[in-house]
Amino acid sequence: MGKIGKNFYLRGSQPVKVDENGRVRIPEKFREIIESQYGKELFITSIDGKNILVYPLKVWEKIEAKVTKLSFFHPSITKFKERTSYFGNIITIDSKGRILVPPLLREKAQINGEVIVLGSINHLVIWNKEIFEKKLELEPITMEDLKTLSEFGI
């Protein structure tokens, strides 16, 4: 969480529990930024079913505007639209700061029990905590990764 100029960024992570109805509480540090900057409407989706992407609806609409300017016949654009539509739903943060994760996404991404909510600058990423921790172990940062980051000036 932080502010640079007029931009507010979602950063950091926090573990939360999924309730019996499939709702995930948005950590307060993220919720405050989202609600104050974008409102309570969100677009929830996935690209591969392994995790869940939660965009403020206004941010997602900017992505859609970019997509509409691209060729509808390009295979990568078609795949992106198909997957984000298949997994996608407009949802609202409730009065207790929770979002309802649709059953399809809960099942595919194994969103149950303890999950981790990651800030990713302008959206959130939700992972099954155990799966994410295994991913970190299996995919360590390599020297090649560090070289690429250096080339990007990071």
C-alpha atoms as a PDB file:
ATOM      1  CA  MET A   1       0.000   0.000   0.000  1.00  0.00           C
ATOM      2  CA  GLY A   2       1.390   3.388  -0.849  1.00  0.00           C
ATOM      3  CA  LYS A   3       0.983   6.628  -2.702  1.00  0.00           C
ATOM      4  CA  ILE A   4       3.165   8.269  -5.316  1.00  0.00           C
ATOM      5  CA  GLY A   5       1.771  11.521  -6.664  1.00  0.00           C
ATOM      6  CA  LYS A   6      -1.893  10.894  -7.438  1.00  0.00           C
ATOM      7  CA  ASN A   7      -1.433   7.132  -7.803  1.00  0.00           C
ATOM      8  CA  PHE A   8      -2.277   4.651  -5.074  1.00  0.00           C
ATOM      9  CA  TYR A   9      -0.699   1.215  -5.282  1.00  0.00           C
ATOM     10  CA  LEU A  10      -1.757  -2.123  -3.838  1.00  0.00           C
ATOM     11  CA  ARG A  11       1.334  -3.824  -2.426  1.00  0.00           C
ATOM     12  CA  GLY A  12       2.221  -6.455   0.114  1.00  0.00           C
ATOM     13  CA  SER A  13       0.248  -9.509   1.125  1.00  0.00           C
ATOM     14  CA  GLN A  14      -1.983 -10.833   3.841  1.00  0.00           C
ATOM     15  CA  PRO A  15      -3.327 -14.295   4.619  1.00  0.00           C
ATOM     16  CA  VAL A  16      -7.090 -14.589   5.133  1.00  0.00           C
ATOM     17  CA  LYS A  17      -9.589 -17.418   5.578  1.00  0.00           C
ATOM     18  CA  VAL A  18     -12.352 -18.259   3.135  1.00  0.00           C
ATOM     19  CA  ASP A  19     -15.672 -18.523   4.965  1.00  0.00           C
ATOM     20  CA  GLU A  20     -18.171 -21.375   4.565  1.00  0.00           C
ATOM     21  CA  ASN A  21     -20.073 -19.414   1.886  1.00  0.00           C
ATOM     22  CA  GLY A  22     -17.006 -18.834  -0.294  1.00  0.00           C
ATOM     23  CA  ARG A  23     -16.443 -15.242   0.753  1.00  0.00           C
ATOM     24  CA  VAL A  24     -12.985 -13.711   1.122  1.00  0.00           C
ATOM     25  CA  ARG A  25     -12.402 -10.673   3.306  1.00  0.00           C
ATOM     26  CA  ILE A  26     -10.408  -8.039   1.457  1.00  0.00           C
ATOM     27  CA  PRO A  27      -7.643  -6.960   3.858  1.00  0.00           C
ATOM     28  CA  GLU A  28      -8.352  -3.469   5.173  1.00  0.00           C
ATOM     29  CA  LYS A  29      -5.135  -1.979   3.793  1.00  0.00           C
ATOM     30  CA  PHE A  30      -6.272  -2.967   0.288  1.00  0.00           C
ATOM     31  CA  ARG A  31      -9.973  -2.301   0.754  1.00  0.00           C
ATOM     32  CA  GLU A  32      -9.413   1.292   1.854  1.00  0.00           C
ATOM     33  CA  ILE A  33      -7.462   2.104  -1.308  1.00  0.00           C
ATOM     34  CA  ILE A  34      -9.874   0.281  -3.615  1.00  0.00           C
ATOM     35  CA  GLU A  35     -13.019   1.824  -2.147  1.00  0.00           C
ATOM     36  CA  SER A  36     -11.629   5.358  -1.862  1.00  0.00           C
ATOM     37  CA  GLN A  37     -10.103   5.388  -5.354  1.00  0.00           C
ATOM     38  CA  TYR A  38     -12.444   3.151  -7.351  1.00  0.00           C
ATOM     39  CA  GLY A  39     -15.584   2.284  -5.405  1.00  0.00           C
ATOM     40  CA  LYS A  40     -16.925  -1.130  -4.388  1.00  0.00           C
ATOM     41  CA  GLU A  41     -17.465  -2.689  -7.820  1.00  0.00           C
ATOM     42  CA  LEU A  42     -14.852  -5.221  -8.897  1.00  0.00           C
ATOM     43  CA  PHE A  43     -14.204  -7.579 -11.772  1.00  0.00           C
ATOM     44  CA  ILE A  44     -13.051 -11.014 -10.622  1.00  0.00           C
ATOM     45  CA  THR A  45     -11.490 -13.413 -13.107  1.00  0.00           C
ATOM     46  CA  SER A  46      -8.556 -15.690 -13.910  1.00  0.00           C
ATOM     47  CA  ILE A  47      -6.406 -16.381 -16.912  1.00  0.00           C
ATOM     48  CA  ASP A  48      -5.460 -19.963 -16.134  1.00  0.00           C
ATOM     49  CA  GLY A  49      -7.621 -21.001 -13.163  1.00  0.00           C
ATOM     50  CA  LYS A  50      -4.575 -21.285 -10.871  1.00  0.00           C
ATOM     51  CA  ASN A  51      -5.248 -18.032  -9.071  1.00  0.00           C
ATOM     52  CA  ILE A  52      -7.846 -15.286  -8.956  1.00  0.00           C
ATOM     53  CA  LEU A  53      -7.421 -11.757 -10.269  1.00  0.00           C
ATOM     54  CA  VAL A  54      -9.516  -9.035  -8.620  1.00  0.00           C
ATOM     55  CA  TYR A  55      -9.589  -5.706 -10.447  1.00  0.00           C
ATOM     56  CA  PRO A  56     -11.414  -2.555  -9.450  1.00  0.00           C
ATOM     57  CA  LEU A  57     -14.047  -2.371 -12.203  1.00  0.00           C
ATOM     58  CA  LYS A  58     -12.700   0.984 -13.416  1.00  0.00           C
ATOM     59  CA  VAL A  59      -9.224  -0.544 -13.863  1.00  0.00           C
ATOM     60  CA  TRP A  60     -10.666  -3.539 -15.720  1.00  0.00           C
ATOM     61  CA  GLU A  61     -12.625  -1.233 -18.028  1.00  0.00           C
ATOM     62  CA  LYS A  62      -9.326   0.407 -19.063  1.00  0.00           C
ATOM     63  CA  ILE A  63      -7.965  -3.037 -19.956  1.00  0.00           C
ATOM     64  CA  GLU A  64     -11.109  -3.761 -21.968  1.00  0.00           C
ATOM     65  CA  ALA A  65     -10.699  -0.444 -23.816  1.00  0.00           C
ATOM     66  CA  LYS A  66      -7.181  -1.498 -24.838  1.00  0.00           C
ATOM     67  CA  VAL A  67      -8.392  -4.930 -25.928  1.00  0.00           C
ATOM     68  CA  THR A  68     -11.123  -3.469 -28.133  1.00  0.00           C
ATOM     69  CA  LYS A  69      -8.477  -1.550 -30.099  1.00  0.00           C
ATOM     70  CA  LEU A  70      -6.618  -4.768 -30.926  1.00  0.00           C
ATOM     71  CA  SER A  71      -7.384  -7.298 -33.630  1.00  0.00           C
ATOM     72  CA  PHE A  72     -10.237  -9.584 -32.632  1.00  0.00           C
ATOM     73  CA  PHE A  73      -8.681 -12.221 -34.872  1.00  0.00           C
ATOM     74  CA  HIS A  74      -5.323 -12.459 -33.098  1.00  0.00           C
ATOM     75  CA  PRO A  75      -5.155 -15.845 -31.314  1.00  0.00           C
ATOM     76  CA  SER A  76      -3.643 -14.390 -28.094  1.00  0.00           C
ATOM     77  CA  ILE A  77      -6.398 -11.781 -27.837  1.00  0.00           C
ATOM     78  CA  THR A  78      -9.038 -14.448 -28.433  1.00  0.00           C
ATOM     79  CA  LYS A  79      -7.546 -16.667 -25.699  1.00  0.00           C
ATOM     80  CA  PHE A  80      -7.395 -13.741 -23.278  1.00  0.00           C
ATOM     81  CA  LYS A  81     -11.028 -12.755 -23.913  1.00  0.00           C
ATOM     82  CA  GLU A  82     -12.275 -16.342 -23.719  1.00  0.00           C
ATOM     83  CA  ARG A  83     -10.569 -17.067 -20.418  1.00  0.00           C
ATOM     84  CA  THR A  84     -11.327 -13.787 -18.684  1.00  0.00           C
ATOM     85  CA  SER A  85     -14.971 -14.033 -19.779  1.00  0.00           C
ATOM     86  CA  TYR A  86     -15.277 -17.699 -18.770  1.00  0.00           C
ATOM     87  CA  PHE A  87     -13.952 -17.028 -15.272  1.00  0.00           C
ATOM     88  CA  GLY A  88     -15.185 -13.437 -15.017  1.00  0.00           C
ATOM     89  CA  ASN A  89     -17.920 -11.808 -12.970  1.00  0.00           C
ATOM     90  CA  ILE A  90     -18.699  -8.337 -11.713  1.00  0.00           C
ATOM     91  CA  ILE A  91     -18.898  -8.432  -7.931  1.00  0.00           C
ATOM     92  CA  THR A  92     -19.287  -5.921  -5.112  1.00  0.00           C
ATOM     93  CA  ILE A  93     -17.469  -5.572  -1.817  1.00  0.00           C
ATOM     94  CA  ASP A  94     -20.117  -6.132   0.872  1.00  0.00           C
ATOM     95  CA  SER A  95     -20.641  -4.047   4.024  1.00  0.00           C
ATOM     96  CA  LYS A  96     -18.191  -6.295   5.926  1.00  0.00           C
ATOM     97  CA  GLY A  97     -15.417  -5.906   3.345  1.00  0.00           C
ATOM     98  CA  ARG A  98     -15.899  -9.344   1.773  1.00  0.00           C
ATOM     99  CA  ILE A  99     -16.241 -10.557  -1.788  1.00  0.00           C
ATOM    100  CA  LEU A 100     -18.047 -13.675  -2.914  1.00  0.00           C
ATOM    101  CA  VAL A 101     -15.780 -15.849  -5.044  1.00  0.00           C
ATOM    102  CA  PRO A 102     -17.906 -17.639  -7.665  1.00  0.00           C
ATOM    103  CA  PRO A 103     -17.959 -21.458  -7.336  1.00  0.00           C
ATOM    104  CA  LEU A 104     -16.126 -22.053 -10.637  1.00  0.00           C
ATOM    105  CA  LEU A 105     -13.179 -19.931  -9.496  1.00  0.00           C
ATOM    106  CA  ARG A 106     -13.188 -21.405  -5.986  1.00  0.00           C
ATOM    107  CA  GLU A 107     -13.018 -24.911  -7.426  1.00  0.00           C
ATOM    108  CA  LYS A 108     -10.412 -24.266 -10.142  1.00  0.00           C
ATOM    109  CA  ALA A 109      -8.045 -22.190  -7.956  1.00  0.00           C
ATOM    110  CA  GLN A 110      -8.708 -24.306  -4.830  1.00  0.00           C
ATOM    111  CA  ILE A 111      -9.798 -21.232  -2.914  1.00  0.00           C
ATOM    112  CA  ASN A 112     -10.737 -22.702   0.447  1.00  0.00           C
ATOM    113  CA  GLY A 113      -9.324 -22.594   3.937  1.00  0.00           C
ATOM    114  CA  GLU A 114      -6.397 -20.202   4.126  1.00  0.00           C
ATOM    115  CA  VAL A 115      -5.567 -18.060   1.111  1.00  0.00           C
ATOM    116  CA  ILE A 116      -3.059 -15.311   0.470  1.00  0.00           C
ATOM    117  CA  VAL A 117      -4.166 -11.955  -0.942  1.00  0.00           C
ATOM    118  CA  LEU A 118      -1.353 -10.236  -2.829  1.00  0.00           C
ATOM    119  CA  GLY A 119      -1.317  -6.592  -3.852  1.00  0.00           C
ATOM    120  CA  SER A 120      -0.223  -6.263  -7.471  1.00  0.00           C
ATOM    121  CA  ILE A 121      -0.058  -2.491  -8.011  1.00  0.00           C
ATOM    122  CA  ASN A 122      -3.557  -1.949  -9.486  1.00  0.00           C
ATOM    123  CA  HIS A 123      -5.289  -5.241  -8.664  1.00  0.00           C
ATOM    124  CA  LEU A 124      -5.256  -8.122  -6.199  1.00  0.00           C
ATOM    125  CA  VAL A 125      -4.214 -11.729  -6.759  1.00  0.00           C
ATOM    126  CA  ILE A 126      -5.658 -14.460  -4.556  1.00  0.00           C
ATOM    127  CA  TRP A 127      -3.918 -17.830  -4.221  1.00  0.00           C
ATOM    128  CA  ASN A 128      -4.493 -20.925  -2.165  1.00  0.00           C
ATOM    129  CA  LYS A 129      -1.772 -20.279   0.447  1.00  0.00           C
ATOM    130  CA  GLU A 130      -0.289 -23.783   0.368  1.00  0.00           C
ATOM    131  CA  ILE A 131      -0.156 -23.878  -3.440  1.00  0.00           C
ATOM    132  CA  PHE A 132       1.436 -20.418  -3.572  1.00  0.00           C
ATOM    133  CA  GLU A 133       4.122 -21.341  -1.053  1.00  0.00           C
ATOM    134  CA  LYS A 134       4.950 -24.476  -3.082  1.00  0.00           C
ATOM    135  CA  LYS A 135       5.120 -22.309  -6.218  1.00  0.00           C
ATOM    136  CA  LEU A 136       7.654 -20.036  -4.523  1.00  0.00           C
ATOM    137  CA  GLU A 137       9.773 -23.078  -3.628  1.00  0.00           C
ATOM    138  CA  LEU A 138       9.568 -24.657  -7.073  1.00  0.00           C
ATOM    139  CA  GLU A 139      10.176 -21.406  -8.965  1.00  0.00           C
ATOM    140  CA  PRO A 140      13.043 -19.615  -7.189  1.00  0.00           C
ATOM    141  CA  ILE A 141      14.472 -16.395  -8.575  1.00  0.00           C
ATOM    142  CA  THR A 142      17.435 -17.366 -10.733  1.00  0.00           C
ATOM    143  CA  MET A 143      20.531 -15.469 -11.828  1.00  0.00           C
ATOM    144  CA  GLU A 144      18.868 -15.144 -15.248  1.00  0.00           C
ATOM    145  CA  ASP A 145      15.842 -13.526 -13.579  1.00  0.00           C
ATOM    146  CA  LEU A 146      18.097 -11.101 -11.721  1.00  0.00           C
ATOM    147  CA  LYS A 147      19.878 -10.255 -14.968  1.00  0.00           C
ATOM    148  CA  THR A 148      16.563  -9.557 -16.707  1.00  0.00           C
ATOM    149  CA  LEU A 149      15.397  -7.399 -13.809  1.00  0.00           C
ATOM    150  CA  SER A 150      18.676  -5.496 -13.994  1.00  0.00           C
ATOM    151  CA  GLU A 151      18.112  -4.910 -17.719  1.00  0.00           C
ATOM    152  CA  PHE A 152      14.710  -3.432 -16.833  1.00  0.00           C
ATOM    153  CA  GLY A 153      16.446  -1.123 -14.370  1.00  0.00           C
ATOM    154  CA  ILE A 154      15.094  -2.894 -11.278  1.00  0.00           C
END
